[in-house]
Amino acid sequence: MTESFTIPENAKVYLDKPYVKVFWDSSSKVLASVWKGFSTFDEISSIGFRILDAVIFEKATKVLYDAREMEILDNDSEKYIGGVFTKEMVGAGVKYAAVVLPEDVFAKYSIDNIQQTIISNKKASVNYFKSLSMAIKWLENK
């Protein structure tokens, strides 16, 4: 059974689309995004700009990506996330990123590709989790 993710009542919502929700939880000081379904490269890059704006505005050092319900990404999106986006996030001050792995095997393959790019370029401290509660606990301890 999948853990549910509820946006905290007093969170600041930065983006609320059918395929992604991005919000700042001031109590935990985590910028979170919850992904659902498929997103095009244009959507992914627009979301990336919005997430980066929120990181800068909130001075966020911890981010959470809940990708459990995400679908496969195209190659351009994988390259963008593993390259330019990650570099910009680190440059903006993000120190810790927790990714909850997708349940869809094809989407997990996309995440694996991104993970390999990030590891080979040594761009960020990103940890991958099979459960939301494990990701949140890890971020709490950072």
N, C-alpha and C. Protein backbone atom coordinates (compact mmCIF):
# COMPACT_ATOMS: atom_id res chain seq x y z
N MET A 1 0.83 -1.19 0.00
CA MET A 1 0.00 0.00 0.00
C MET A 1 0.88 1.26 0.00
N THR A 2 0.52 2.21 -0.81
CA THR A 2 1.28 3.43 -0.95
C THR A 2 0.95 4.41 0.18
N GLU A 3 2.01 4.98 0.76
CA GLU A 3 1.82 6.03 1.76
C GLU A 3 1.24 7.25 1.05
N SER A 4 0.34 7.94 1.72
CA SER A 4 -0.20 9.15 1.10
C SER A 4 0.63 10.36 1.55
N PHE A 5 0.67 11.34 0.69
CA PHE A 5 1.41 12.57 0.97
C PHE A 5 0.39 13.69 1.04
N THR A 6 0.30 14.32 2.18
CA THR A 6 -0.62 15.43 2.37
C THR A 6 0.18 16.72 2.50
N ILE A 7 -0.22 17.71 1.72
CA ILE A 7 0.45 19.00 1.81
C ILE A 7 0.06 19.62 3.16
N PRO A 8 1.05 20.00 3.97
CA PRO A 8 0.74 20.59 5.28
C PRO A 8 -0.18 21.83 5.13
N GLU A 9 -1.04 22.01 6.10
CA GLU A 9 -2.05 23.06 6.06
C GLU A 9 -1.48 24.46 5.83
N ASN A 10 -0.37 24.77 6.48
CA ASN A 10 0.18 26.12 6.34
C ASN A 10 1.38 26.18 5.40
N ALA A 11 1.48 25.21 4.48
CA ALA A 11 2.55 25.22 3.49
C ALA A 11 2.29 26.30 2.44
N LYS A 12 3.36 26.84 1.88
CA LYS A 12 3.24 27.81 0.80
C LYS A 12 3.31 27.04 -0.52
N VAL A 13 2.22 27.05 -1.27
CA VAL A 13 2.15 26.30 -2.54
C VAL A 13 2.71 27.18 -3.66
N TYR A 14 3.70 26.67 -4.35
CA TYR A 14 4.33 27.37 -5.46
C TYR A 14 3.77 26.94 -6.81
N LEU A 15 3.30 25.71 -6.89
CA LEU A 15 2.78 25.19 -8.15
C LEU A 15 1.76 24.11 -7.84
N ASP A 16 0.61 24.19 -8.50
CA ASP A 16 -0.44 23.19 -8.28
C ASP A 16 -1.04 22.82 -9.63
N LYS A 17 -0.43 21.82 -10.27
CA LYS A 17 -0.87 21.31 -11.57
C LYS A 17 -1.28 19.85 -11.40
N PRO A 18 -2.04 19.31 -12.35
CA PRO A 18 -2.43 17.90 -12.23
C PRO A 18 -1.23 16.95 -12.17
N TYR A 19 -0.11 17.33 -12.76
CA TYR A 19 1.05 16.45 -12.84
C TYR A 19 2.13 16.75 -11.79
N VAL A 20 2.02 17.88 -11.09
CA VAL A 20 3.01 18.19 -10.05
C VAL A 20 2.46 19.23 -9.08
N LYS A 21 2.84 19.07 -7.83
CA LYS A 21 2.56 20.06 -6.79
C LYS A 21 3.90 20.39 -6.15
N VAL A 22 4.19 21.68 -6.02
CA VAL A 22 5.44 22.14 -5.41
C VAL A 22 5.08 23.05 -4.25
N PHE A 23 5.64 22.77 -3.08
CA PHE A 23 5.32 23.59 -1.91
C PHE A 23 6.48 23.64 -0.93
N TRP A 24 6.47 24.72 -0.14
CA TRP A 24 7.46 24.95 0.91
C TRP A 24 6.80 24.68 2.25
N ASP A 25 7.40 23.77 3.00
CA ASP A 25 6.93 23.47 4.35
C ASP A 25 7.87 24.18 5.32
N SER A 26 7.41 25.31 5.86
CA SER A 26 8.27 26.12 6.73
C SER A 26 8.61 25.43 8.04
N SER A 27 7.77 24.51 8.51
CA SER A 27 8.07 23.83 9.77
C SER A 27 9.24 22.86 9.62
N SER A 28 9.33 22.17 8.49
CA SER A 28 10.43 21.24 8.27
C SER A 28 11.56 21.86 7.45
N LYS A 29 11.28 23.05 6.87
CA LYS A 29 12.24 23.75 6.01
C LYS A 29 12.64 22.88 4.82
N VAL A 30 11.63 22.25 4.20
CA VAL A 30 11.83 21.40 3.03
C VAL A 30 10.96 21.91 1.90
N LEU A 31 11.57 22.03 0.71
CA LEU A 31 10.80 22.32 -0.50
C LEU A 31 10.47 20.96 -1.13
N ALA A 32 9.19 20.69 -1.28
CA ALA A 32 8.76 19.38 -1.77
C ALA A 32 8.04 19.49 -3.11
N SER A 33 8.19 18.45 -3.90
CA SER A 33 7.40 18.33 -5.13
C SER A 33 6.85 16.92 -5.20
N VAL A 34 5.58 16.84 -5.56
CA VAL A 34 4.88 15.56 -5.67
C VAL A 34 4.46 15.41 -7.12
N TRP A 35 4.97 14.37 -7.78
CA TRP A 35 4.79 14.17 -9.21
C TRP A 35 3.74 13.10 -9.49
N LYS A 36 2.94 13.33 -10.56
CA LYS A 36 1.93 12.35 -10.99
C LYS A 36 1.91 12.28 -12.50
N GLY A 37 1.95 11.08 -13.03
CA GLY A 37 1.78 10.89 -14.46
C GLY A 37 2.95 11.37 -15.28
N PHE A 38 2.66 11.69 -16.54
CA PHE A 38 3.67 12.08 -17.52
C PHE A 38 3.76 13.59 -17.63
N SER A 39 4.97 14.07 -17.82
CA SER A 39 5.21 15.49 -18.08
C SER A 39 6.12 15.61 -19.30
N THR A 40 5.84 16.58 -20.16
CA THR A 40 6.68 16.83 -21.32
C THR A 40 7.96 17.54 -20.90
N PHE A 41 8.92 17.62 -21.80
CA PHE A 41 10.15 18.34 -21.51
C PHE A 41 9.86 19.81 -21.20
N ASP A 42 8.97 20.44 -21.97
CA ASP A 42 8.63 21.85 -21.71
C ASP A 42 8.04 22.02 -20.31
N GLU A 43 7.18 21.08 -19.90
CA GLU A 43 6.60 21.14 -18.55
C GLU A 43 7.70 20.94 -17.50
N ILE A 44 8.56 19.96 -17.73
CA ILE A 44 9.65 19.67 -16.78
C ILE A 44 10.55 20.89 -16.62
N SER A 45 10.93 21.51 -17.71
CA SER A 45 11.83 22.67 -17.60
C SER A 45 11.13 23.86 -16.95
N SER A 46 9.84 24.06 -17.22
CA SER A 46 9.09 25.14 -16.55
C SER A 46 8.99 24.88 -15.05
N ILE A 47 8.73 23.63 -14.69
CA ILE A 47 8.65 23.26 -13.27
C ILE A 47 10.02 23.48 -12.62
N GLY A 48 11.07 23.11 -13.34
CA GLY A 48 12.43 23.30 -12.82
C GLY A 48 12.71 24.76 -12.49
N PHE A 49 12.31 25.67 -13.38
CA PHE A 49 12.49 27.10 -13.11
C PHE A 49 11.71 27.53 -11.87
N ARG A 50 10.50 27.02 -11.74
CA ARG A 50 9.66 27.38 -10.58
C ARG A 50 10.25 26.84 -9.28
N ILE A 51 10.74 25.61 -9.33
CA ILE A 51 11.38 25.02 -8.15
C ILE A 51 12.62 25.83 -7.78
N LEU A 52 13.42 26.18 -8.76
CA LEU A 52 14.63 26.97 -8.51
C LEU A 52 14.28 28.32 -7.90
N ASP A 53 13.24 28.98 -8.41
CA ASP A 53 12.79 30.25 -7.83
C ASP A 53 12.42 30.08 -6.36
N ALA A 54 11.70 29.00 -6.05
CA ALA A 54 11.28 28.74 -4.67
C ALA A 54 12.49 28.47 -3.77
N VAL A 55 13.45 27.72 -4.28
CA VAL A 55 14.67 27.43 -3.50
C VAL A 55 15.38 28.74 -3.15
N ILE A 56 15.50 29.60 -4.14
CA ILE A 56 16.19 30.88 -3.91
C ILE A 56 15.40 31.75 -2.94
N PHE A 57 14.10 31.87 -3.15
CA PHE A 57 13.27 32.71 -2.30
C PHE A 57 13.25 32.23 -0.86
N GLU A 58 13.12 30.92 -0.67
CA GLU A 58 13.02 30.35 0.69
C GLU A 58 14.38 30.05 1.31
N LYS A 59 15.43 30.19 0.51
CA LYS A 59 16.79 29.82 0.95
C LYS A 59 16.82 28.35 1.39
N ALA A 60 16.15 27.53 0.61
CA ALA A 60 16.03 26.09 0.92
C ALA A 60 17.36 25.37 0.73
N THR A 61 17.68 24.51 1.67
CA THR A 61 18.86 23.66 1.55
C THR A 61 18.48 22.19 1.42
N LYS A 62 17.19 21.89 1.65
CA LYS A 62 16.70 20.51 1.57
C LYS A 62 15.49 20.45 0.64
N VAL A 63 15.50 19.46 -0.25
CA VAL A 63 14.38 19.26 -1.17
C VAL A 63 13.95 17.80 -1.15
N LEU A 64 12.67 17.62 -1.42
CA LEU A 64 12.09 16.28 -1.48
C LEU A 64 11.36 16.16 -2.81
N TYR A 65 11.66 15.09 -3.54
CA TYR A 65 10.97 14.79 -4.79
C TYR A 65 10.22 13.47 -4.60
N ASP A 66 8.90 13.55 -4.53
CA ASP A 66 8.08 12.35 -4.40
C ASP A 66 7.68 11.93 -5.81
N ALA A 67 8.41 10.96 -6.35
CA ALA A 67 8.21 10.52 -7.74
C ALA A 67 7.46 9.19 -7.82
N ARG A 68 6.81 8.79 -6.75
CA ARG A 68 6.16 7.47 -6.73
C ARG A 68 5.13 7.29 -7.84
N GLU A 69 4.42 8.36 -8.20
CA GLU A 69 3.38 8.24 -9.21
C GLU A 69 3.79 8.88 -10.54
N MET A 70 5.06 9.15 -10.69
CA MET A 70 5.58 9.72 -11.92
C MET A 70 5.67 8.64 -12.99
N GLU A 71 5.51 9.05 -14.26
CA GLU A 71 5.70 8.14 -15.37
C GLU A 71 7.03 8.43 -16.04
N ILE A 72 7.39 7.63 -16.99
CA ILE A 72 8.68 7.72 -17.67
C ILE A 72 8.96 9.13 -18.21
N LEU A 73 10.22 9.52 -18.18
CA LEU A 73 10.66 10.81 -18.71
C LEU A 73 11.32 10.60 -20.07
N ASP A 74 11.23 11.61 -20.92
CA ASP A 74 11.94 11.52 -22.21
C ASP A 74 13.42 11.83 -21.98
N ASN A 75 14.25 11.54 -22.98
CA ASN A 75 15.70 11.71 -22.85
C ASN A 75 16.10 13.14 -22.53
N ASP A 76 15.44 14.11 -23.17
CA ASP A 76 15.77 15.51 -22.92
C ASP A 76 15.50 15.89 -21.46
N SER A 77 14.40 15.40 -20.91
CA SER A 77 14.08 15.67 -19.50
C SER A 77 15.10 15.04 -18.57
N GLU A 78 15.50 13.81 -18.87
CA GLU A 78 16.51 13.14 -18.05
C GLU A 78 17.82 13.94 -18.05
N LYS A 79 18.25 14.38 -19.24
CA LYS A 79 19.50 15.14 -19.35
C LYS A 79 19.39 16.47 -18.62
N TYR A 80 18.26 17.14 -18.74
CA TYR A 80 18.05 18.43 -18.07
C TYR A 80 18.10 18.26 -16.54
N ILE A 81 17.38 17.28 -16.02
CA ILE A 81 17.33 17.09 -14.56
C ILE A 81 18.70 16.69 -14.02
N GLY A 82 19.37 15.75 -14.68
CA GLY A 82 20.67 15.29 -14.21
C GLY A 82 21.79 16.28 -14.45
N GLY A 83 21.58 17.25 -15.33
CA GLY A 83 22.63 18.21 -15.67
C GLY A 83 22.35 19.61 -15.20
N VAL A 84 21.77 20.42 -16.07
CA VAL A 84 21.54 21.85 -15.81
C VAL A 84 20.74 22.07 -14.52
N PHE A 85 19.63 21.38 -14.36
CA PHE A 85 18.77 21.59 -13.19
C PHE A 85 19.52 21.30 -11.89
N THR A 86 20.19 20.15 -11.83
CA THR A 86 20.91 19.78 -10.61
C THR A 86 22.02 20.78 -10.31
N LYS A 87 22.75 21.20 -11.34
CA LYS A 87 23.82 22.18 -11.15
C LYS A 87 23.26 23.49 -10.60
N GLU A 88 22.14 23.95 -11.16
CA GLU A 88 21.52 25.19 -10.69
C GLU A 88 21.01 25.07 -9.26
N MET A 89 20.44 23.92 -8.91
CA MET A 89 19.94 23.72 -7.55
C MET A 89 21.09 23.76 -6.55
N VAL A 90 22.18 23.08 -6.85
CA VAL A 90 23.34 23.09 -5.97
C VAL A 90 23.89 24.52 -5.87
N GLY A 91 23.96 25.21 -6.99
CA GLY A 91 24.44 26.58 -6.99
C GLY A 91 23.56 27.52 -6.19
N ALA A 92 22.27 27.19 -6.09
CA ALA A 92 21.32 28.01 -5.33
C ALA A 92 21.34 27.69 -3.84
N GLY A 93 22.09 26.66 -3.43
CA GLY A 93 22.23 26.37 -2.01
C GLY A 93 21.66 25.05 -1.54
N VAL A 94 21.09 24.25 -2.42
CA VAL A 94 20.55 22.95 -2.00
C VAL A 94 21.70 22.02 -1.63
N LYS A 95 21.62 21.46 -0.42
CA LYS A 95 22.66 20.55 0.06
C LYS A 95 22.19 19.11 0.10
N TYR A 96 20.89 18.92 0.33
CA TYR A 96 20.34 17.57 0.48
C TYR A 96 19.08 17.41 -0.35
N ALA A 97 19.05 16.33 -1.11
CA ALA A 97 17.86 16.02 -1.90
C ALA A 97 17.48 14.56 -1.66
N ALA A 98 16.21 14.35 -1.36
CA ALA A 98 15.67 13.00 -1.17
C ALA A 98 14.68 12.73 -2.29
N VAL A 99 14.87 11.60 -2.96
CA VAL A 99 13.98 11.20 -4.05
C VAL A 99 13.29 9.91 -3.64
N VAL A 100 11.95 9.94 -3.65
CA VAL A 100 11.20 8.72 -3.41
C VAL A 100 10.97 8.09 -4.77
N LEU A 101 11.48 6.89 -4.94
CA LEU A 101 11.48 6.22 -6.24
C LEU A 101 10.09 5.92 -6.76
N PRO A 102 9.93 5.99 -8.08
CA PRO A 102 8.63 5.68 -8.69
C PRO A 102 8.28 4.21 -8.56
N GLU A 103 6.99 3.95 -8.58
CA GLU A 103 6.51 2.56 -8.55
C GLU A 103 6.56 1.95 -9.95
N ASP A 104 6.38 2.77 -10.99
CA ASP A 104 6.41 2.31 -12.37
C ASP A 104 7.83 1.94 -12.77
N VAL A 105 8.03 0.74 -13.31
CA VAL A 105 9.36 0.25 -13.65
C VAL A 105 10.03 1.12 -14.72
N PHE A 106 9.27 1.64 -15.68
CA PHE A 106 9.85 2.48 -16.72
C PHE A 106 10.26 3.84 -16.16
N ALA A 107 9.46 4.39 -15.26
CA ALA A 107 9.81 5.66 -14.62
C ALA A 107 11.05 5.46 -13.74
N LYS A 108 11.14 4.32 -13.08
CA LYS A 108 12.32 4.03 -12.26
C LYS A 108 13.57 3.99 -13.13
N TYR A 109 13.44 3.47 -14.34
CA TYR A 109 14.56 3.46 -15.28
C TYR A 109 15.01 4.89 -15.57
N SER A 110 14.07 5.81 -15.76
CA SER A 110 14.41 7.22 -15.98
C SER A 110 15.18 7.78 -14.79
N ILE A 111 14.71 7.49 -13.59
CA ILE A 111 15.38 7.97 -12.38
C ILE A 111 16.79 7.37 -12.27
N ASP A 112 16.93 6.09 -12.62
CA ASP A 112 18.25 5.46 -12.60
C ASP A 112 19.21 6.17 -13.54
N ASN A 113 18.72 6.56 -14.72
CA ASN A 113 19.57 7.28 -15.68
C ASN A 113 20.01 8.62 -15.11
N ILE A 114 19.08 9.33 -14.48
CA ILE A 114 19.40 10.63 -13.86
C ILE A 114 20.42 10.42 -12.74
N GLN A 115 20.19 9.39 -11.93
CA GLN A 115 21.07 9.10 -10.81
C GLN A 115 22.50 8.86 -11.30
N GLN A 116 22.66 8.11 -12.37
CA GLN A 116 23.99 7.83 -12.91
C GLN A 116 24.68 9.11 -13.38
N THR A 117 23.92 10.02 -13.99
CA THR A 117 24.49 11.28 -14.45
C THR A 117 24.96 12.12 -13.26
N ILE A 118 24.14 12.20 -12.23
CA ILE A 118 24.49 12.98 -11.04
C ILE A 118 25.71 12.39 -10.35
N ILE A 119 25.74 11.07 -10.20
CA ILE A 119 26.88 10.41 -9.55
C ILE A 119 28.16 10.63 -10.34
N SER A 120 28.08 10.45 -11.67
CA SER A 120 29.30 10.57 -12.48
C SER A 120 29.82 12.00 -12.52
N ASN A 121 28.94 12.97 -12.37
CA ASN A 121 29.36 14.37 -12.38
C ASN A 121 29.58 14.93 -10.98
N LYS A 122 29.29 14.14 -9.95
CA LYS A 122 29.47 14.54 -8.55
C LYS A 122 28.88 15.91 -8.27
N LYS A 123 27.62 16.10 -8.68
CA LYS A 123 27.01 17.41 -8.58
C LYS A 123 26.20 17.65 -7.31
N ALA A 124 25.72 16.60 -6.67
CA ALA A 124 24.82 16.84 -5.55
C ALA A 124 24.83 15.67 -4.58
N SER A 125 24.36 15.94 -3.37
CA SER A 125 24.14 14.89 -2.38
C SER A 125 22.69 14.48 -2.46
N VAL A 126 22.44 13.46 -3.25
CA VAL A 126 21.08 12.99 -3.49
C VAL A 126 20.97 11.57 -2.97
N ASN A 127 19.92 11.29 -2.18
CA ASN A 127 19.66 9.94 -1.72
C ASN A 127 18.31 9.48 -2.25
N TYR A 128 18.21 8.20 -2.52
CA TYR A 128 17.02 7.60 -3.13
C TYR A 128 16.38 6.64 -2.15
N PHE A 129 15.05 6.70 -2.07
CA PHE A 129 14.32 5.92 -1.07
C PHE A 129 13.15 5.19 -1.70
N LYS A 130 12.80 4.07 -1.09
CA LYS A 130 11.64 3.30 -1.55
C LYS A 130 10.36 3.75 -0.86
N SER A 131 10.50 4.50 0.22
CA SER A 131 9.29 4.95 0.92
C SER A 131 9.40 6.43 1.27
N LEU A 132 8.25 7.08 1.30
CA LEU A 132 8.17 8.49 1.66
C LEU A 132 8.65 8.73 3.08
N SER A 133 8.24 7.87 4.00
CA SER A 133 8.60 8.08 5.41
C SER A 133 10.12 8.00 5.60
N MET A 134 10.80 7.12 4.87
CA MET A 134 12.26 7.03 4.98
C MET A 134 12.92 8.29 4.44
N ALA A 135 12.41 8.83 3.35
CA ALA A 135 12.96 10.07 2.77
C ALA A 135 12.79 11.24 3.71
N ILE A 136 11.61 11.37 4.28
CA ILE A 136 11.33 12.47 5.22
C ILE A 136 12.22 12.35 6.45
N LYS A 137 12.36 11.14 6.97
CA LYS A 137 13.19 10.94 8.17
C LYS A 137 14.64 11.32 7.88
N TRP A 138 15.14 10.95 6.71
CA TRP A 138 16.52 11.29 6.33
C TRP A 138 16.71 12.80 6.29
N LEU A 139 15.76 13.51 5.65
CA LEU A 139 15.85 14.96 5.58
C LEU A 139 15.76 15.62 6.95
N GLU A 140 14.91 15.07 7.82
CA GLU A 140 14.79 15.62 9.18
C GLU A 140 16.12 15.59 9.93
N ASN A 141 16.92 14.58 9.63
CA ASN A 141 18.21 14.41 10.32
C ASN A 141 19.35 15.20 9.68
N LYS A 142 19.03 16.00 8.69
CA LYS A 142 20.06 16.80 8.00
C LYS A 142 20.00 18.23 8.46
